[in-house]
């Protein structure tokens, strides 16, 4: 696929400060959404023409999906884009939430909000990958066994990027 045929999108990678330490916030998508049904993901989605940046897209989508007020998020930066087999170019936007405000879940898109301690993602015994071939292209797909269902695919790729940056800051 040519990059031009991909849909630009962004996700928020929310790091939430909790008394016991940092946690990552995920959503479990409903079985009725158009893309990535039932998967664990970060809040986010396709860019609108009114969005001024990937951060704007990620914050707008997070507000629409889980009612996260953009003023509660401090943007720390962006990580590497990923082209997904489902036709998206996704920009991960890392944000820090000092105090998680009450959320208003859009039940058409989100079945559940999940908070997972960040430290679990640093345990290499909980991470694995496998090579999967899709449409004639082989790619390494990551999995983290840190919840009752695995965090995998693009979401796990972004978590791996975050873990790698924290372990080896440059």
Protein backbone atom coordinates (compact mmCIF):
# COMPACT_ATOMS: atom_id res chain seq x y z
CA UNK A 1 0.00 0.00 0.00
CA UNK A 2 1.16 3.51 -0.78
CA UNK A 3 1.32 5.92 2.15
CA UNK A 4 -1.20 8.17 0.34
CA UNK A 5 -3.84 5.45 0.65
CA UNK A 6 -3.45 5.31 4.42
CA UNK A 7 -5.66 7.29 6.78
CA UNK A 8 -3.74 9.63 9.10
CA UNK A 9 -4.60 9.00 12.72
CA UNK A 10 -3.22 9.47 16.20
CA UNK A 11 -3.53 7.83 19.59
CA UNK A 12 -2.88 9.20 23.03
CA UNK A 13 -0.46 7.10 25.10
CA UNK A 14 -1.66 8.30 28.52
CA UNK A 15 0.66 7.85 31.48
CA UNK A 16 -1.42 8.33 34.63
CA UNK A 17 0.13 9.18 37.99
CA UNK A 18 -1.30 6.97 40.75
CA UNK A 19 -0.30 6.64 44.43
CA UNK A 20 1.30 3.23 43.73
CA UNK A 21 3.17 4.43 40.62
CA UNK A 22 2.58 5.19 36.95
CA UNK A 23 -0.13 3.39 34.98
CA UNK A 24 -0.98 3.29 31.30
CA UNK A 25 -4.59 3.97 30.33
CA UNK A 26 -6.12 1.77 27.63
CA UNK A 27 -9.57 1.25 26.24
CA UNK A 28 -11.24 -1.99 25.28
CA UNK A 29 -13.16 -1.27 22.10
CA UNK A 30 -16.73 -2.43 21.66
CA UNK A 31 -17.66 -5.22 19.27
CA UNK A 32 -19.71 -2.72 17.23
CA UNK A 33 -17.03 -0.20 16.17
CA UNK A 34 -15.95 -0.19 12.53
CA UNK A 35 -12.24 -0.94 13.14
CA UNK A 36 -10.37 -3.09 15.68
CA UNK A 37 -13.47 -4.58 17.30
CA UNK A 38 -12.98 -5.77 20.88
CA UNK A 39 -9.29 -4.91 20.93
CA UNK A 40 -7.35 -3.22 23.69
CA UNK A 41 -6.12 0.10 22.37
CA UNK A 42 -5.10 3.60 23.30
CA UNK A 43 -7.74 6.29 22.86
CA UNK A 44 -7.50 7.81 19.41
CA UNK A 45 -8.63 7.67 15.83
CA UNK A 46 -8.60 9.25 12.41
CA UNK A 47 -7.58 12.87 11.91
CA UNK A 48 -10.29 15.40 11.07
CA UNK A 49 -9.64 18.32 8.71
CA UNK A 50 -10.05 20.64 11.70
CA UNK A 51 -7.22 18.96 13.66
CA UNK A 52 -4.06 21.05 13.68
CA UNK A 53 -1.62 18.28 14.70
CA UNK A 54 -1.41 14.63 15.77
CA UNK A 55 -1.63 15.83 19.39
CA UNK A 56 -4.84 17.69 18.54
CA UNK A 57 -6.26 14.52 16.95
CA UNK A 58 -5.28 12.35 19.93
CA UNK A 59 -6.75 14.80 22.45
CA UNK A 60 -9.98 15.30 20.47
CA UNK A 61 -10.48 11.56 20.05
CA UNK A 62 -9.72 10.93 23.74
CA UNK A 63 -12.37 13.47 24.65
CA UNK A 64 -14.90 11.88 22.27
CA UNK A 65 -14.18 8.28 23.36
CA UNK A 66 -13.69 8.56 27.13
CA UNK A 67 -14.51 12.17 28.01
CA UNK A 68 -10.91 12.98 28.91
CA UNK A 69 -10.59 16.74 29.28
CA UNK A 70 -7.62 17.90 27.21
CA UNK A 71 -6.58 20.28 30.00
CA UNK A 72 -5.81 17.24 32.19
CA UNK A 73 -3.10 16.05 29.74
CA UNK A 74 0.45 17.39 29.43
CA UNK A 75 1.88 16.36 26.06
CA UNK A 76 5.38 14.90 26.49
CA UNK A 77 6.09 14.19 22.82
CA UNK A 78 5.51 11.82 19.95
CA UNK A 79 7.00 8.47 19.06
CA UNK A 80 7.48 6.80 15.66
CA UNK A 81 4.48 6.42 13.35
CA UNK A 82 3.24 2.97 12.44
CA UNK A 83 1.49 1.88 9.24
CA UNK A 84 -1.12 -0.69 10.17
CA UNK A 85 -2.45 -3.51 7.99
CA UNK A 86 -5.92 -1.97 8.48
CA UNK A 87 -4.91 1.09 6.45
CA UNK A 88 -3.89 3.68 9.03
CA UNK A 89 -0.71 5.65 9.67
CA UNK A 90 -0.86 6.09 13.44
CA UNK A 91 1.12 8.71 15.36
CA UNK A 92 1.49 7.89 19.07
CA UNK A 93 1.31 11.00 21.25
CA UNK A 94 2.61 10.51 24.79
CA UNK A 95 0.75 12.42 27.46
CA UNK A 96 1.09 12.68 31.23
CA UNK A 97 -1.96 12.91 33.50
CA UNK A 98 -1.13 14.14 36.99
CA UNK A 99 -4.71 13.70 38.25
CA UNK A 100 -7.14 11.55 36.25
CA UNK A 101 -10.47 13.40 36.12
CA UNK A 102 -13.81 11.57 36.06
CA UNK A 103 -14.32 10.01 32.63
CA UNK A 104 -17.46 9.90 30.50
CA UNK A 105 -17.21 6.75 28.36
CA UNK A 106 -18.80 6.73 24.90
CA UNK A 107 -20.37 3.27 25.12
CA UNK A 108 -20.77 3.10 21.33
CA UNK A 109 -16.98 2.98 20.97
CA UNK A 110 -15.53 1.92 24.32
CA UNK A 111 -16.56 -1.11 26.37
CA UNK A 112 -14.14 -0.45 29.22
CA UNK A 113 -11.30 1.80 30.41
CA UNK A 114 -8.31 -0.19 31.69
CA UNK A 115 -5.43 1.05 33.84
CA UNK A 116 -2.35 -1.20 33.92
CA UNK A 117 0.73 -0.50 36.07
CA UNK A 118 3.60 0.58 33.80
CA UNK A 119 6.08 -1.59 35.69
CA UNK A 120 4.40 -4.73 34.28
CA UNK A 121 5.48 -3.73 30.77
CA UNK A 122 9.13 -3.68 31.88
CA UNK A 123 8.97 -7.38 32.83
CA UNK A 124 10.46 -9.07 29.76
CA UNK A 125 8.83 -12.38 30.71
CA UNK A 126 5.46 -10.77 29.93
CA UNK A 127 6.49 -9.69 26.41
CA UNK A 128 6.80 -11.80 23.30
CA UNK A 129 6.46 -11.40 19.56
CA UNK A 130 5.77 -13.49 16.52
CA UNK A 131 6.10 -13.03 12.79
CA UNK A 132 2.75 -12.82 11.06
CA UNK A 133 2.20 -12.65 7.32
CA UNK A 134 -0.67 -10.49 6.14
CA UNK A 135 -1.35 -9.65 2.50
CA UNK A 136 2.06 -11.01 1.53
CA UNK A 137 3.94 -8.86 4.03
CA UNK A 138 5.70 -10.32 7.05
CA UNK A 139 5.78 -8.22 10.19
CA UNK A 140 6.75 -8.70 13.79
CA UNK A 141 3.75 -8.41 16.10
CA UNK A 142 4.29 -7.75 19.81
CA UNK A 143 2.24 -9.08 22.72
CA UNK A 144 2.23 -8.13 26.42
CA UNK A 145 0.55 -10.57 28.81
CA UNK A 146 -0.27 -8.04 31.53
CA UNK A 147 -4.06 -8.25 31.77
CA UNK A 148 -6.78 -10.88 31.32
CA UNK A 149 -6.39 -10.36 27.55
CA UNK A 150 -3.10 -9.61 25.82
CA UNK A 151 -2.14 -6.11 24.74
CA UNK A 152 -1.00 -6.71 21.17
CA UNK A 153 -0.56 -5.29 17.69
CA UNK A 154 -0.08 -1.56 17.13
CA UNK A 155 -0.88 -0.82 20.78
CA UNK A 156 1.83 -3.23 21.97
CA UNK A 157 4.24 -1.75 19.41
CA UNK A 158 3.71 1.70 20.95
CA UNK A 159 4.14 0.32 24.47
CA UNK A 160 7.39 -1.34 23.36
CA UNK A 161 8.60 1.99 21.93
CA UNK A 162 7.79 3.71 25.23
CA UNK A 163 9.55 1.02 27.29
CA UNK A 164 12.61 1.22 25.00
CA UNK A 165 12.77 5.04 25.33
CA UNK A 166 12.46 4.88 29.13
CA UNK A 167 15.12 2.14 29.35
CA UNK A 168 17.54 3.84 26.94
CA UNK A 169 16.94 7.59 26.87
CA UNK A 170 19.04 9.39 24.27
